[in-house]
C-alpha atoms as a PDB file:
ATOM      1  CA  MET A   1      25.053 -30.717  50.763  1.00  0.00           C
ATOM      2  CA  LYS A   2      21.991 -30.508  48.532  1.00  0.00           C
ATOM      3  CA  ILE A   3      22.442 -30.193  44.774  1.00  0.00           C
ATOM      4  CA  LEU A   4      19.881 -29.881  42.129  1.00  0.00           C
ATOM      5  CA  ILE A   5      20.614 -31.290  38.542  1.00  0.00           C
ATOM      6  CA  LEU A   6      18.416 -29.481  36.156  1.00  0.00           C
ATOM      7  CA  ASN A   7      17.938 -30.502  32.575  1.00  0.00           C
ATOM      8  CA  GLY A   8      16.268 -28.424  29.887  1.00  0.00           C
ATOM      9  CA  PRO A   9      14.487 -29.257  26.619  1.00  0.00           C
ATOM     10  CA  ASN A  10      14.861 -32.503  24.853  1.00  0.00           C
ATOM     11  CA  LEU A  11      17.195 -33.948  27.418  1.00  0.00           C
ATOM     12  CA  ASN A  12      14.181 -36.353  28.393  1.00  0.00           C
ATOM     13  CA  LEU A  13      15.053 -37.981  25.104  1.00  0.00           C
ATOM     14  CA  LEU A  14      18.608 -39.061  26.252  1.00  0.00           C
ATOM     15  CA  GLY A  15      19.345 -42.619  25.167  1.00  0.00           C
ATOM     16  CA  LYS A  16      17.256 -42.262  21.954  1.00  0.00           C
ATOM     17  CA  ARG A  17      18.031 -38.753  20.609  1.00  0.00           C
ATOM     18  CA  GLU A  18      21.058 -38.609  18.464  1.00  0.00           C
ATOM     19  CA  PRO A  19      23.069 -41.505  20.236  1.00  0.00           C
ATOM     20  CA  GLY A  20      26.197 -40.375  18.077  1.00  0.00           C
ATOM     21  CA  ILE A  21      26.311 -37.138  20.124  1.00  0.00           C
ATOM     22  CA  TYR A  22      24.422 -37.943  23.288  1.00  0.00           C
ATOM     23  CA  GLY A  23      24.954 -41.694  23.910  1.00  0.00           C
ATOM     24  CA  ASN A  24      22.618 -44.536  24.536  1.00  0.00           C
ATOM     25  CA  GLN A  25      22.060 -44.013  28.270  1.00  0.00           C
ATOM     26  CA  THR A  26      18.830 -42.398  29.735  1.00  0.00           C
ATOM     27  CA  PHE A  27      19.538 -39.680  32.352  1.00  0.00           C
ATOM     28  CA  GLN A  28      17.394 -41.784  34.728  1.00  0.00           C
ATOM     29  CA  GLU A  29      20.006 -44.577  34.445  1.00  0.00           C
ATOM     30  CA  TYR A  30      22.904 -42.013  34.754  1.00  0.00           C
ATOM     31  CA  PHE A  31      21.373 -40.260  37.687  1.00  0.00           C
ATOM     32  CA  LYS A  32      21.515 -43.627  39.655  1.00  0.00           C
ATOM     33  CA  VAL A  33      25.220 -43.903  38.799  1.00  0.00           C
ATOM     34  CA  LEU A  34      25.635 -40.293  40.204  1.00  0.00           C
ATOM     35  CA  GLN A  35      23.791 -41.115  43.330  1.00  0.00           C
ATOM     36  CA  GLU A  36      26.096 -44.008  44.036  1.00  0.00           C
ATOM     37  CA  LYS A  37      29.246 -42.066  43.069  1.00  0.00           C
ATOM     38  CA  PHE A  38      28.439 -39.199  45.400  1.00  0.00           C
ATOM     39  CA  PRO A  39      26.863 -40.692  48.466  1.00  0.00           C
ATOM     40  CA  SER A  40      27.645 -37.561  50.502  1.00  0.00           C
ATOM     41  CA  LEU A  41      25.458 -35.297  48.307  1.00  0.00           C
ATOM     42  CA  LYS A  42      21.862 -35.269  48.502  1.00  0.00           C
ATOM     43  CA  LEU A  43      20.967 -35.111  44.699  1.00  0.00           C
ATOM     44  CA  SER A  44      17.585 -34.034  43.228  1.00  0.00           C
ATOM     45  CA  TYR A  45      16.779 -34.152  39.607  1.00  0.00           C
ATOM     46  CA  TYR A  46      14.288 -32.091  37.499  1.00  0.00           C
ATOM     47  CA  GLN A  47      13.790 -31.854  33.725  1.00  0.00           C
ATOM     48  CA  SER A  48      11.522 -29.721  31.728  1.00  0.00           C
ATOM     49  CA  ASN A  49      10.942 -28.737  28.135  1.00  0.00           C
ATOM     50  CA  HIS A  50       9.300 -25.457  29.273  1.00  0.00           C
ATOM     51  CA  GLU A  51      11.459 -22.280  29.954  1.00  0.00           C
ATOM     52  CA  GLY A  52       9.310 -20.863  32.596  1.00  0.00           C
ATOM     53  CA  ASP A  53       9.442 -24.068  34.583  1.00  0.00           C
ATOM     54  CA  LEU A  54      13.213 -23.926  34.551  1.00  0.00           C
ATOM     55  CA  VAL A  55      13.266 -20.279  35.548  1.00  0.00           C
ATOM     56  CA  THR A  56      10.960 -21.121  38.607  1.00  0.00           C
ATOM     57  CA  LYS A  57      13.232 -24.126  39.539  1.00  0.00           C
ATOM     58  CA  ILE A  58      16.262 -21.897  39.419  1.00  0.00           C
ATOM     59  CA  GLN A  59      14.542 -19.309  41.464  1.00  0.00           C
ATOM     60  CA  ASP A  60      13.473 -21.821  44.117  1.00  0.00           C
ATOM     61  CA  ALA A  61      16.809 -23.279  44.337  1.00  0.00           C
ATOM     62  CA  ASP A  62      18.041 -20.351  46.223  1.00  0.00           C
ATOM     63  CA  ASP A  63      16.056 -21.381  49.227  1.00  0.00           C
ATOM     64  CA  GLU A  64      16.502 -25.224  48.783  1.00  0.00           C
ATOM     65  CA  PHE A  65      19.843 -26.207  47.414  1.00  0.00           C
ATOM     66  CA  ASP A  66      23.525 -25.384  47.908  1.00  0.00           C
ATOM     67  CA  GLY A  67      24.076 -25.682  44.268  1.00  0.00           C
ATOM     68  CA  VAL A  68      22.783 -26.378  40.747  1.00  0.00           C
ATOM     69  CA  VAL A  69      24.201 -28.222  37.915  1.00  0.00           C
ATOM     70  CA  LEU A  70      22.405 -26.827  34.774  1.00  0.00           C
ATOM     71  CA  ASN A  71      22.150 -28.332  31.293  1.00  0.00           C
ATOM     72  CA  ALA A  72      19.599 -25.943  29.729  1.00  0.00           C
ATOM     73  CA  GLY A  73      19.935 -27.617  26.412  1.00  0.00           C
ATOM     74  CA  ALA A  74      18.855 -25.152  23.460  1.00  0.00           C
ATOM     75  CA  TYR A  75      17.814 -22.655  25.967  1.00  0.00           C
ATOM     76  CA  THR A  76      21.464 -21.964  26.836  1.00  0.00           C
ATOM     77  CA  HIS A  77      21.623 -20.113  23.549  1.00  0.00           C
ATOM     78  CA  THR A  78      18.358 -18.348  23.449  1.00  0.00           C
ATOM     79  CA  SER A  79      17.171 -17.645  27.046  1.00  0.00           C
ATOM     80  CA  VAL A  80      17.847 -14.448  28.449  1.00  0.00           C
ATOM     81  CA  ALA A  81      15.172 -15.356  31.236  1.00  0.00           C
ATOM     82  CA  ILE A  82      17.229 -18.326  32.325  1.00  0.00           C
ATOM     83  CA  GLY A  83      20.385 -16.203  32.299  1.00  0.00           C
ATOM     84  CA  ASP A  84      18.725 -13.475  34.397  1.00  0.00           C
ATOM     85  CA  ALA A  85      17.475 -16.116  37.020  1.00  0.00           C
ATOM     86  CA  ILE A  86      20.868 -17.325  37.600  1.00  0.00           C
ATOM     87  CA  LYS A  87      22.101 -13.809  38.088  1.00  0.00           C
ATOM     88  CA  ALA A  88      19.348 -13.124  40.517  1.00  0.00           C
ATOM     89  CA  ILE A  89      20.129 -15.896  42.902  1.00  0.00           C
ATOM     90  CA  GLN A  90      22.931 -16.630  45.364  1.00  0.00           C
ATOM     91  CA  THR A  91      23.138 -20.333  44.915  1.00  0.00           C
ATOM     92  CA  PRO A  92      26.168 -21.113  42.561  1.00  0.00           C
ATOM     93  CA  VAL A  93      25.150 -22.783  39.145  1.00  0.00           C
ATOM     94  CA  VAL A  94      27.574 -24.858  37.101  1.00  0.00           C
ATOM     95  CA  GLU A  95      26.688 -24.957  33.434  1.00  0.00           C
ATOM     96  CA  VAL A  96      27.161 -28.467  31.780  1.00  0.00           C
ATOM     97  CA  HIS A  97      26.746 -29.704  28.319  1.00  0.00           C
ATOM     98  CA  ILE A  98      27.212 -33.262  27.150  1.00  0.00           C
ATOM     99  CA  SER A  99      28.613 -32.265  23.857  1.00  0.00           C
ATOM    100  CA  ASN A 100      31.292 -29.810  22.951  1.00  0.00           C
ATOM    101  CA  THR A 101      29.175 -26.932  21.897  1.00  0.00           C
ATOM    102  CA  PHE A 102      32.017 -25.177  19.982  1.00  0.00           C
ATOM    103  CA  ALA A 103      32.421 -28.198  17.852  1.00  0.00           C
ATOM    104  CA  ARG A 104      28.839 -27.726  16.706  1.00  0.00           C
ATOM    105  CA  GLU A 105      26.742 -25.192  14.837  1.00  0.00           C
ATOM    106  CA  SER A 106      27.858 -21.614  15.304  1.00  0.00           C
ATOM    107  CA  PHE A 107      24.591 -20.584  17.005  1.00  0.00           C
ATOM    108  CA  ARG A 108      25.600 -23.116  19.884  1.00  0.00           C
ATOM    109  CA  HIS A 109      28.659 -20.955  20.553  1.00  0.00           C
ATOM    110  CA  ASN A 110      26.714 -18.365  22.526  1.00  0.00           C
ATOM    111  CA  SER A 111      25.439 -18.952  25.973  1.00  0.00           C
ATOM    112  CA  TYR A 112      23.301 -16.802  28.098  1.00  0.00           C
ATOM    113  CA  ILE A 113      24.032 -18.800  31.144  1.00  0.00           C
ATOM    114  CA  SER A 114      27.990 -18.716  31.058  1.00  0.00           C
ATOM    115  CA  PRO A 115      28.400 -15.059  32.271  1.00  0.00           C
ATOM    116  CA  ASN A 116      26.492 -15.771  35.523  1.00  0.00           C
ATOM    117  CA  ALA A 117      27.535 -19.329  36.109  1.00  0.00           C
ATOM    118  CA  LYS A 118      30.311 -20.514  38.660  1.00  0.00           C
ATOM    119  CA  GLY A 119      31.874 -22.397  35.752  1.00  0.00           C
ATOM    120  CA  VAL A 120      31.095 -24.258  32.619  1.00  0.00           C
ATOM    121  CA  ILE A 121      31.947 -27.987  31.617  1.00  0.00           C
ATOM    122  CA  LEU A 122      31.341 -29.240  28.209  1.00  0.00           C
ATOM    123  CA  GLY A 123      32.340 -31.927  25.804  1.00  0.00           C
ATOM    124  CA  PHE A 124      32.836 -34.864  28.322  1.00  0.00           C
ATOM    125  CA  GLY A 125      29.510 -36.809  27.637  1.00  0.00           C
ATOM    126  CA  MET A 126      27.451 -37.732  30.550  1.00  0.00           C
ATOM    127  CA  ASP A 127      30.554 -37.370  32.679  1.00  0.00           C
ATOM    128  CA  SER A 128      30.127 -33.503  32.347  1.00  0.00           C
ATOM    129  CA  TYR A 129      27.482 -33.828  35.160  1.00  0.00           C
ATOM    130  CA  LYS A 130      30.026 -35.741  37.314  1.00  0.00           C
ATOM    131  CA  LEU A 131      32.675 -33.162  36.818  1.00  0.00           C
ATOM    132  CA  GLY A 132      29.886 -30.389  37.595  1.00  0.00           C
ATOM    133  CA  LEU A 133      29.113 -32.197  40.955  1.00  0.00           C
ATOM    134  CA  GLN A 134      32.830 -32.466  41.847  1.00  0.00           C
ATOM    135  CA  SER A 135      33.153 -28.771  41.656  1.00  0.00           C
ATOM    136  CA  PHE A 136      30.939 -28.505  44.627  1.00  0.00           C
ATOM    137  CA  LEU A 137      33.030 -30.765  46.920  1.00  0.00           C
END
């Protein structure tokens, strides 16, 4: 089974950005942990700060992957385009967030992704990705 982990804006700064919320580990370090924990899955990883790049990756996932674990970062709360891309494909998408978005600013309580996602996992730190991957097993 091939799974794409897709990260949106500012998630390239994990390990440096607001460690009290996001921790001290880079995603590249955590990705190695995920690969070891899920040897039966063929994992791919992509990160972009650009909305259009994320839309294209989601669209392309329909032909390349069996599932997508998506942390769209701030685009979760603003991008109709990403929500529409998820709605347009057959490949299931699991929305994940490192923090509990409902415990943060009120604008983070809305998601354009959730209505079209297979499920939503949030608030478990980096383990939100692990839980997202487990949903495909």
